[in-house]
Amino acid sequence: MEKKKSLFHPIPEALIRAVEESSCIAIISHVNPDGDAIFSSLALSCILGKLGKEVHLFNDGPFSRKEIMGYAHLFSSSVDQEVKEKHPLVVILDCSTEDRPGMVYQELKGSKTIVIDHHASGRAFYDEELSYIVPLSPSTTLLVDELRIALGVELEKEFAEYLLLGFLTDTGFFHFISDIQAPDSFKKVSSFISTGLNPYELYDRMHDGRKLEDVKLVARILEECEPALEGKVIIAYEKKDSLSSERPGDSVYPALLECEGVKVVVLIKEKENGIEFGFRAKRNANVDVGALASSLSGGGHALAAGATVENLKSEDAKSFILEKLRPLV
């Protein structure tokens, strides 16, 4: 029987060599970070620390998601002159376009840069020999684990937890994982759990302790949502004046994707300078919302993506996006 091809292709030797030869390393993940961005950064920091590297963590923020708020103090949004003078190796995680690392990246731009990501949309800004891009990987943390293996670092519970949390947040606790991704991904999950992690405890940490007003906001968004295109699309709205300590979309999307006949859920979020669209698609819908987001200068995955359209008025947002979705659903 033919051996199944691995989900993860080999990491370029030039990338591994760049890490091994660097004594000071700066890790940057994308602005408005999610769990995968922050937990991949923390995991890589621990792994590099085991090799004796001096590591600095950067992110522009804001840390608006519940699961990452407690880690904000570990990241800086500006680069000290002392760090700049060391000309650190820059590692960009969970973003593959130049705008996503934010302003902090501009302070280190020009330094040798590695990119590790599972997004493949947008214009590349990196050297192919110094990049590890695997679009089929469900999370960037799984790619960080591949780098750990290549660097010869033993798996430990401390950073196995970060590796697993990034995977769980980006897959919605296994909800957004395909049959192609599952075999190799679950092998890694099994290895993480074997270090002594408890999945039940991680689930509780990710979901418990929500504020009542945030739950009520989710309920209000669900109450005001509306079907479109014969029920194949559901449009939900997050008003500009909505006050929440977390991102309501994380609860809105899975609830609406359970509706009969729906293929795509769109969350329309009012911003000061335009409209932010969030997209989620059913696994069997055959709608690539990542490609749709990319056409709007955004990005993401086939099942989960987003984009911001500047200068678009709230009253025009629904018709605008339905015109884009009509030929897709």
Protein backbone atom coordinates (compact mmCIF):
# COMPACT_ATOMS: atom_id res chain seq x y z
CA MET A 1 0.00 0.00 0.00
CA GLU A 2 1.32 3.44 -0.96
CA LYS A 3 2.51 5.53 2.00
CA LYS A 4 0.40 8.63 2.62
CA LYS A 5 2.17 11.91 1.95
CA SER A 6 2.74 14.06 5.04
CA LEU A 7 0.80 17.28 5.47
CA PHE A 8 4.06 19.05 6.33
CA HIS A 9 6.81 19.39 3.73
CA PRO A 10 10.47 19.72 4.86
CA ILE A 11 11.65 23.05 6.25
CA PRO A 12 14.29 24.76 4.04
CA GLU A 13 17.83 24.21 5.28
CA ALA A 14 18.57 27.93 4.92
CA LEU A 15 15.80 28.72 7.41
CA ILE A 16 17.06 26.20 9.96
CA ARG A 17 20.62 27.45 9.53
CA ALA A 18 19.52 31.09 10.01
CA VAL A 19 17.93 30.19 13.35
CA GLU A 20 20.89 28.11 14.51
CA GLU A 21 23.39 30.86 13.65
CA SER A 22 21.45 33.71 15.31
CA SER A 23 21.97 34.61 18.96
CA CYS A 24 19.25 37.29 19.13
CA ILE A 25 15.79 36.68 17.64
CA ALA A 26 12.72 38.94 17.40
CA ILE A 27 9.33 37.25 17.04
CA ILE A 28 6.46 39.27 15.53
CA SER A 29 2.89 38.14 14.85
CA HIS A 30 0.02 39.96 13.19
CA VAL A 31 -1.87 42.98 14.47
CA ASN A 32 -5.20 42.36 16.21
CA PRO A 33 -3.81 38.95 17.17
CA ASP A 34 -5.76 35.75 17.67
CA GLY A 35 -4.82 32.68 19.68
CA ASP A 36 -2.74 31.09 16.95
CA ALA A 37 -0.62 34.23 16.52
CA ILE A 38 0.09 34.64 20.24
CA PHE A 39 0.46 30.98 21.18
CA SER A 40 2.76 30.25 18.22
CA SER A 41 4.90 33.21 19.35
CA LEU A 42 5.03 31.99 22.95
CA ALA A 43 5.79 28.40 21.92
CA LEU A 44 8.60 29.46 19.59
CA SER A 45 10.04 31.71 22.29
CA CYS A 46 10.21 28.74 24.68
CA ILE A 47 11.75 26.49 22.03
CA LEU A 48 14.41 29.04 21.11
CA GLY A 49 15.07 29.64 24.81
CA LYS A 50 15.97 25.96 25.15
CA LEU A 51 18.70 26.61 22.56
CA GLY A 52 20.09 29.53 24.56
CA LYS A 53 18.79 32.23 22.22
CA GLU A 54 17.95 35.75 23.37
CA VAL A 55 14.31 36.14 22.34
CA HIS A 56 12.10 39.26 22.17
CA LEU A 57 8.32 39.10 21.61
CA PHE A 58 6.52 41.88 19.72
CA ASN A 59 2.94 42.62 18.73
CA ASP A 60 1.04 45.83 18.00
CA GLY A 61 -2.13 44.49 19.65
CA PRO A 62 -4.84 45.05 20.68
CA PHE A 63 -5.21 41.88 22.74
CA SER A 64 -9.01 41.84 22.48
CA ARG A 65 -9.66 38.10 22.55
CA LYS A 66 -10.40 36.52 25.92
CA GLU A 67 -7.94 33.63 25.53
CA ILE A 68 -4.93 35.90 24.94
CA MET A 69 -5.60 38.91 27.18
CA GLY A 70 -3.50 37.52 30.02
CA TYR A 71 -0.40 37.34 27.84
CA ALA A 72 -0.31 40.97 26.63
CA HIS A 73 2.35 41.96 29.19
CA LEU A 74 4.83 39.55 27.58
CA PHE A 75 4.80 41.46 24.27
CA SER A 76 6.20 44.87 23.33
CA SER A 77 4.76 47.20 20.70
CA SER A 78 8.05 49.02 20.09
CA VAL A 79 11.68 47.99 19.73
CA ASP A 80 14.35 49.24 22.13
CA GLN A 81 17.47 50.73 20.57
CA GLU A 82 19.55 48.11 22.35
CA VAL A 83 17.68 45.35 20.52
CA LYS A 84 17.97 47.15 17.17
CA GLU A 85 21.73 47.39 17.58
CA LYS A 86 21.94 43.61 17.91
CA HIS A 87 20.41 43.22 14.41
CA PRO A 88 18.18 40.34 15.47
CA LEU A 89 16.88 37.66 13.18
CA VAL A 90 13.20 38.52 12.63
CA VAL A 91 10.65 35.71 12.67
CA ILE A 92 7.18 36.62 11.36
CA LEU A 93 4.45 34.22 12.48
CA ASP A 94 0.90 33.69 11.23
CA CYS A 95 1.00 36.32 8.49
CA SER A 96 2.44 36.29 5.00
CA THR A 97 1.80 39.85 3.76
CA GLU A 98 3.85 42.88 4.72
CA ASP A 99 1.00 44.93 6.19
CA ARG A 100 -0.06 42.34 8.79
CA PRO A 101 2.91 42.51 11.22
CA GLY A 102 2.09 46.17 11.86
CA MET A 103 4.22 49.15 12.85
CA VAL A 104 6.59 47.21 15.08
CA TYR A 105 7.82 45.32 12.01
CA GLN A 106 8.69 48.61 10.31
CA GLU A 107 11.24 49.25 13.09
CA LEU A 108 13.10 46.05 12.21
CA LYS A 109 12.48 46.02 8.48
CA GLY A 110 15.67 45.27 6.57
CA SER A 111 16.88 42.64 9.03
CA LYS A 112 17.09 39.04 7.87
CA THR A 113 13.50 37.79 8.06
CA ILE A 114 11.89 34.36 8.34
CA VAL A 115 8.18 33.81 7.72
CA ILE A 116 6.28 30.83 9.14
CA ASP A 117 2.60 30.73 8.27
CA HIS A 118 -0.35 28.70 7.07
CA HIS A 119 -1.82 31.51 4.95
CA ALA A 120 -0.87 31.83 1.30
CA SER A 121 -2.86 34.88 0.21
CA GLY A 122 -1.54 38.30 -0.71
CA ARG A 123 1.77 39.49 -2.13
CA ALA A 124 4.75 37.68 -0.65
CA PHE A 125 7.39 39.85 1.06
CA TYR A 126 9.85 37.12 2.03
CA ASP A 127 12.66 35.02 0.62
CA GLU A 128 11.35 31.59 -0.33
CA GLU A 129 14.41 29.90 1.19
CA LEU A 130 13.65 31.63 4.50
CA SER A 131 9.96 30.82 4.59
CA TYR A 132 7.88 27.87 5.69
CA ILE A 133 4.36 28.29 4.28
CA VAL A 134 1.96 25.34 4.54
CA PRO A 135 -1.59 26.43 3.57
CA LEU A 136 -3.06 23.05 4.51
CA SER A 137 -1.84 23.27 8.11
CA PRO A 138 -4.77 24.06 10.45
CA SER A 139 -2.60 26.34 12.59
CA THR A 140 0.77 28.06 12.68
CA THR A 141 1.55 26.32 15.98
CA LEU A 142 1.78 22.99 14.15
CA LEU A 143 4.43 24.53 11.87
CA VAL A 144 6.32 25.83 14.90
CA ASP A 145 6.29 22.25 16.16
CA GLU A 146 7.84 21.12 12.88
CA LEU A 147 10.61 23.67 13.43
CA ARG A 148 11.07 22.36 16.97
CA ILE A 149 11.63 18.89 15.57
CA ALA A 150 14.07 20.18 12.94
CA LEU A 151 16.03 22.03 15.65
CA GLY A 152 16.23 18.91 17.82
CA VAL A 153 14.37 20.33 20.84
CA GLU A 154 12.50 17.81 23.00
CA LEU A 155 8.77 18.40 23.49
CA GLU A 156 7.91 19.72 26.96
CA LYS A 157 4.59 20.43 28.65
CA GLU A 158 5.38 24.15 29.04
CA PHE A 159 5.29 24.88 25.33
CA ALA A 160 3.20 21.87 24.27
CA GLU A 161 0.32 23.74 25.94
CA TYR A 162 0.93 26.79 23.74
CA LEU A 163 1.19 24.60 20.64
CA LEU A 164 -2.10 22.90 21.45
CA LEU A 165 -3.94 26.11 22.41
CA GLY A 166 -3.05 27.75 19.09
CA PHE A 167 -4.37 24.72 17.23
CA LEU A 168 -7.58 24.62 19.30
CA THR A 169 -8.34 28.33 18.86
CA ASP A 170 -7.72 28.31 15.09
CA THR A 171 -9.81 25.18 14.52
CA GLY A 172 -12.62 26.15 16.89
CA PHE A 173 -11.76 23.15 19.07
CA PHE A 174 -11.62 20.82 16.01
CA HIS A 175 -14.67 22.38 14.29
CA PHE A 176 -12.76 23.79 11.29
CA ILE A 177 -10.50 20.87 10.48
CA SER A 178 -10.80 18.89 7.25
CA ASP A 179 -10.36 15.18 6.61
CA ILE A 180 -7.12 15.94 4.75
CA GLN A 181 -5.70 17.82 7.74
CA ALA A 182 -6.93 15.46 10.44
CA PRO A 183 -4.50 12.49 10.41
CA ASP A 184 -1.21 14.40 10.78
CA SER A 185 -2.81 17.07 12.97
CA PHE A 186 -4.24 14.57 15.44
CA LYS A 187 -0.86 12.84 15.71
CA LYS A 188 0.58 16.14 16.87
CA VAL A 189 -2.34 16.78 19.21
CA SER A 190 -1.77 13.34 20.72
CA SER A 191 1.91 14.14 21.30
CA PHE A 192 1.01 17.45 22.98
CA ILE A 193 -1.52 15.78 25.29
CA SER A 194 0.98 13.05 26.16
CA THR A 195 3.04 15.66 28.04
CA GLY A 196 0.30 15.77 30.69
CA LEU A 197 -2.17 18.30 29.29
CA ASN A 198 -5.89 17.98 30.00
CA PRO A 199 -8.15 18.92 27.04
CA TYR A 200 -11.14 19.47 29.32
CA GLU A 201 -9.23 22.02 31.39
CA LEU A 202 -8.07 23.83 28.24
CA TYR A 203 -11.63 23.97 26.91
CA ASP A 204 -12.87 25.44 30.20
CA ARG A 205 -10.07 28.01 30.19
CA MET A 206 -10.98 29.08 26.66
CA HIS A 207 -14.74 29.33 27.21
CA ASP A 208 -15.55 29.91 30.90
CA GLY A 209 -15.65 33.23 32.73
CA ARG A 210 -17.48 35.31 30.13
CA LYS A 211 -19.16 38.52 31.19
CA LEU A 212 -22.95 38.54 31.10
CA GLU A 213 -23.03 41.70 28.95
CA ASP A 214 -20.90 39.94 26.32
CA VAL A 215 -23.30 37.01 26.22
CA LYS A 216 -26.21 39.45 25.85
CA LEU A 217 -24.42 41.18 22.94
CA VAL A 218 -24.08 37.84 21.16
CA ALA A 219 -27.78 37.19 21.76
CA ARG A 220 -28.65 40.61 20.31
CA ILE A 221 -26.52 40.00 17.19
CA LEU A 222 -28.19 36.61 16.68
CA GLU A 223 -31.65 38.16 17.14
CA GLU A 224 -30.98 40.82 14.49
CA CYS A 225 -29.32 38.58 11.86
CA GLU A 226 -31.10 37.91 8.58
CA PRO A 227 -31.00 35.26 5.85
CA ALA A 228 -30.15 36.10 2.24
CA LEU A 229 -29.80 34.36 -1.10
CA GLU A 230 -32.49 31.77 -0.31
CA GLY A 231 -31.02 31.08 3.14
CA LYS A 232 -27.60 30.09 1.79
CA VAL A 233 -26.10 33.18 3.43
CA ILE A 234 -26.80 34.65 6.87
CA ILE A 235 -25.85 38.26 7.51
CA ALA A 236 -25.13 39.39 11.08
CA TYR A 237 -24.25 42.89 12.27
CA GLU A 238 -21.88 44.23 14.92
CA LYS A 239 -22.58 47.93 15.48
CA LYS A 240 -19.79 50.46 15.94
CA ASP A 241 -21.05 51.41 19.37
CA SER A 242 -21.18 47.80 20.62
CA LEU A 243 -19.14 47.50 23.81
CA SER A 244 -17.59 44.12 24.46
CA SER A 245 -14.52 42.78 26.25
CA GLU A 246 -14.26 39.99 23.69
CA ARG A 247 -14.98 39.33 20.03
CA PRO A 248 -18.65 38.33 19.70
CA GLY A 249 -18.04 36.77 16.31
CA ASP A 250 -16.30 33.83 17.96
CA SER A 251 -19.70 32.82 19.36
CA VAL A 252 -21.88 34.12 16.52
CA TYR A 253 -20.25 32.16 13.69
CA PRO A 254 -20.61 28.62 15.09
CA ALA A 255 -24.20 29.26 16.18
CA LEU A 256 -25.30 30.48 12.75
CA LEU A 257 -23.37 27.83 10.82
CA GLU A 258 -25.68 25.26 12.41
CA CYS A 259 -28.70 26.72 10.61
CA GLU A 260 -30.35 24.55 7.98
CA GLY A 261 -29.23 25.25 4.41
CA VAL A 262 -26.64 27.89 5.28
CA LYS A 263 -23.36 27.91 3.35
CA VAL A 264 -21.74 31.16 4.47
CA VAL A 265 -22.10 33.41 7.51
CA VAL A 266 -21.05 37.06 7.14
CA LEU A 267 -20.48 39.33 10.11
CA ILE A 268 -20.60 43.00 9.10
CA LYS A 269 -18.68 45.14 11.57
CA GLU A 270 -18.88 48.92 11.47
CA LYS A 271 -15.51 50.70 11.67
CA GLU A 272 -14.58 54.38 11.77
CA ASN A 273 -13.26 54.32 8.20
CA GLY A 274 -15.37 51.63 6.57
CA ILE A 275 -16.68 48.09 7.01
CA GLU A 276 -14.91 44.97 8.24
CA PHE A 277 -16.33 41.72 6.88
CA GLY A 278 -15.86 38.42 8.67
CA PHE A 279 -16.60 35.23 6.74
CA ARG A 280 -17.17 31.63 7.81
CA ALA A 281 -18.17 28.84 5.45
CA LYS A 282 -19.54 25.36 5.99
CA ARG A 283 -17.01 22.64 5.26
CA ASN A 284 -19.18 21.08 2.55
CA ALA A 285 -20.32 24.38 1.02
CA ASN A 286 -17.61 24.51 -1.69
CA VAL A 287 -17.23 28.25 -1.09
CA ASP A 288 -13.70 29.58 -0.62
CA VAL A 289 -14.18 32.63 1.59
CA GLY A 290 -10.39 33.01 1.78
CA ALA A 291 -10.31 33.77 -1.95
CA LEU A 292 -13.23 36.18 -1.52
CA ALA A 293 -11.43 37.98 1.30
CA SER A 294 -8.23 38.12 -0.75
CA SER A 295 -10.13 39.81 -3.61
CA LEU A 296 -11.07 42.50 -1.08
CA SER A 297 -7.42 42.91 0.04
CA GLY A 298 -8.01 40.72 3.06
CA GLY A 299 -7.02 37.15 3.75
CA GLY A 300 -7.57 33.95 5.66
CA HIS A 301 -8.49 30.36 4.95
CA ALA A 302 -11.03 28.68 2.70
CA LEU A 303 -13.47 28.33 5.61
CA ALA A 304 -12.57 31.37 7.73
CA ALA A 305 -11.42 34.78 6.50
CA GLY A 306 -11.93 38.51 6.71
CA ALA A 307 -11.38 41.82 4.94
CA THR A 308 -11.86 45.54 5.52
CA VAL A 309 -13.32 47.76 2.80
CA GLU A 310 -12.53 51.39 3.46
CA ASN A 311 -15.01 54.20 2.84
CA LEU A 312 -17.92 51.77 2.46
CA LYS A 313 -21.08 53.03 4.14
CA SER A 314 -23.01 50.84 6.57
CA GLU A 315 -26.21 51.08 4.53
CA ASP A 316 -24.39 49.79 1.43
CA ALA A 317 -22.48 46.93 3.10
CA LYS A 318 -25.16 44.24 2.74
CA SER A 319 -25.81 44.77 -0.98
CA PHE A 320 -22.08 45.11 -1.63
CA ILE A 321 -21.17 41.75 -0.11
CA LEU A 322 -24.19 39.87 -1.43
CA GLU A 323 -23.21 40.90 -4.94
CA LYS A 324 -19.82 39.25 -4.31
CA LEU A 325 -21.36 36.13 -2.78
CA ARG A 326 -24.19 35.54 -5.25
CA PRO A 327 -22.08 33.74 -7.90
CA LEU A 328 -20.26 31.71 -5.21
CA VAL A 329 -23.21 30.11 -3.42
